[in-house]
Amino acid sequence: MGHDAANLPADVDLVVRTSAVPDDNPELVEARRRNIRNLTYFEFLGQYADGKRTVAVAGTNGKSTTTAMLGLILIEAGFDPTVIVGTKVPSFDGGNLRLGGSNLLVVEACEHQAHLLVFRPAAAVVTNVEEDHLDYYTDRQHIMDTFEQFLSQIRPEGFVVLNANDSDGAGALQCSGRSLRFGSGEEADYRLGEIMVGDGVQSFHLYKSEQDLGEIELHVPGRFNIENAAAAAIMALEHGASFEIVRKALSEYSGIWRRFEVVGEPYGGPVISDYGHHPVAVEGTIAAAREFYPDRKIVLVFQPHHRNRTRNLFDRFVKSFDGADSVVLLEIYDVIGREGDEDADISSRNLMEAVIEHDHSRGIERQIRYAASLEEGFAAIHSVLAPGAVTLVLGAGDVDRLARRLSGKETD
């Protein structure tokens, strides 16, 4: 219906907008003319959370999955929380929100433009900290400082769960309050052990001090999901959920939208759509596919998201594709309002050329393709696809449309 001042009803008291909406938007202009209060989505979320017992889940990667896992455990345990995730959750009627009847709120806290600082939570999780959003942050230390400020805003009686395996990131964060660290090392407050990966399933044991609490089984792949599940389990246990409830909820967890989502198997092998758009996420998703499909060829279809990110993390992206047998690189997805003139000359063509050079230096030959559009991408995928191959479709832009089209499930 478009944007028009006439769209603003007479009885509106508050306008909530995404930060991508410009100040000269006609509906915002009309709201200001009528002295109607307007907030960005994150400003609104912070104010809403202030009235709740809030558990905020932060981290460069894994926060959506961990938020969903924690929410589902607490629902199973009878806490009746409100849960707000950054993507769609199948058991939330296909949406990203579950409205509960208690005062407990589980919410994903995004680090982009330091949005996580709107929260003053009762408890928090940090899954990991990586270099990202360098169009906003000046450097890695700026990112670390922002996460430490977030931790300083936890209420005095609260606590944080930190991933000690991320030794230079979440594990290195300083916190003046109570912190619980988990990881593979003996010094962790909660230790992960006996990690096993089988046919479509992986498991681990969770230890508290020297006590083996028991085995947790997951039906979603990736070592990163073991860490996500551990973070969710620890937070739920610290809230009083039983280990049996934790185990049951996590064993039933089947994933969320575009997080290693198997869209179909049109060519005898799975087409998997994933939101991963950071080198760590790309590398981890390929490794997860290798573990769950050890005897299959892996075709990676990647659409970089944001030219500034591609430039700043260029060398890491080049190496992140190493685990794939073939690579199709779509042109970079431009993010409206975030692309500077200084990044205009960076292209996925540059990535393709660098990957080919990197392969030559390793004595490796693979099929590497560049596609300027989704249509070209569709043709490029078919030029490298082998029967039974695993097709990983990664990126935060519109590349998911390719995954749906490959699987015969294309939507408008």
Foldseek 3Di string as FASTA:
>chain_A
DDFACVVDDPPDQEAEAAPLDDCVGHVNVSCVVVVRHYYYPLLVVLVLLVQAQEEEEEEPPLRQVLQVLLVLLCVLLPVFEWGAGPAFDVVCVRHRIDHGDHRYYYYYQYCQLLSNQSHLHQEYEYLWYDDDNCLRAVDSVSSLVSVLSSLASHDQNHEYEFECVNVVTRVPRDHPHHYAYEECDLPGQKYWADWDFDAQKIKIWIDGNNRTLDMAMANAFFPSVVSSLVRSQVVVVVVPGHVVSSRVSRNPRDDGPQCQQFQAQPQQATEGGHADQALVSLLRVLVRCCRNPVPAAEEEEEAHEALVRCVVCVVSNLVSCVSHQEYEYEWHDHDPPSHDPVRVPDIVVVSQVSNCVVCVVVVHDHHYHYHDDLVSSLVSCVVRDDRHHYYYQYHNHDSVQSSCVVRVNHDD
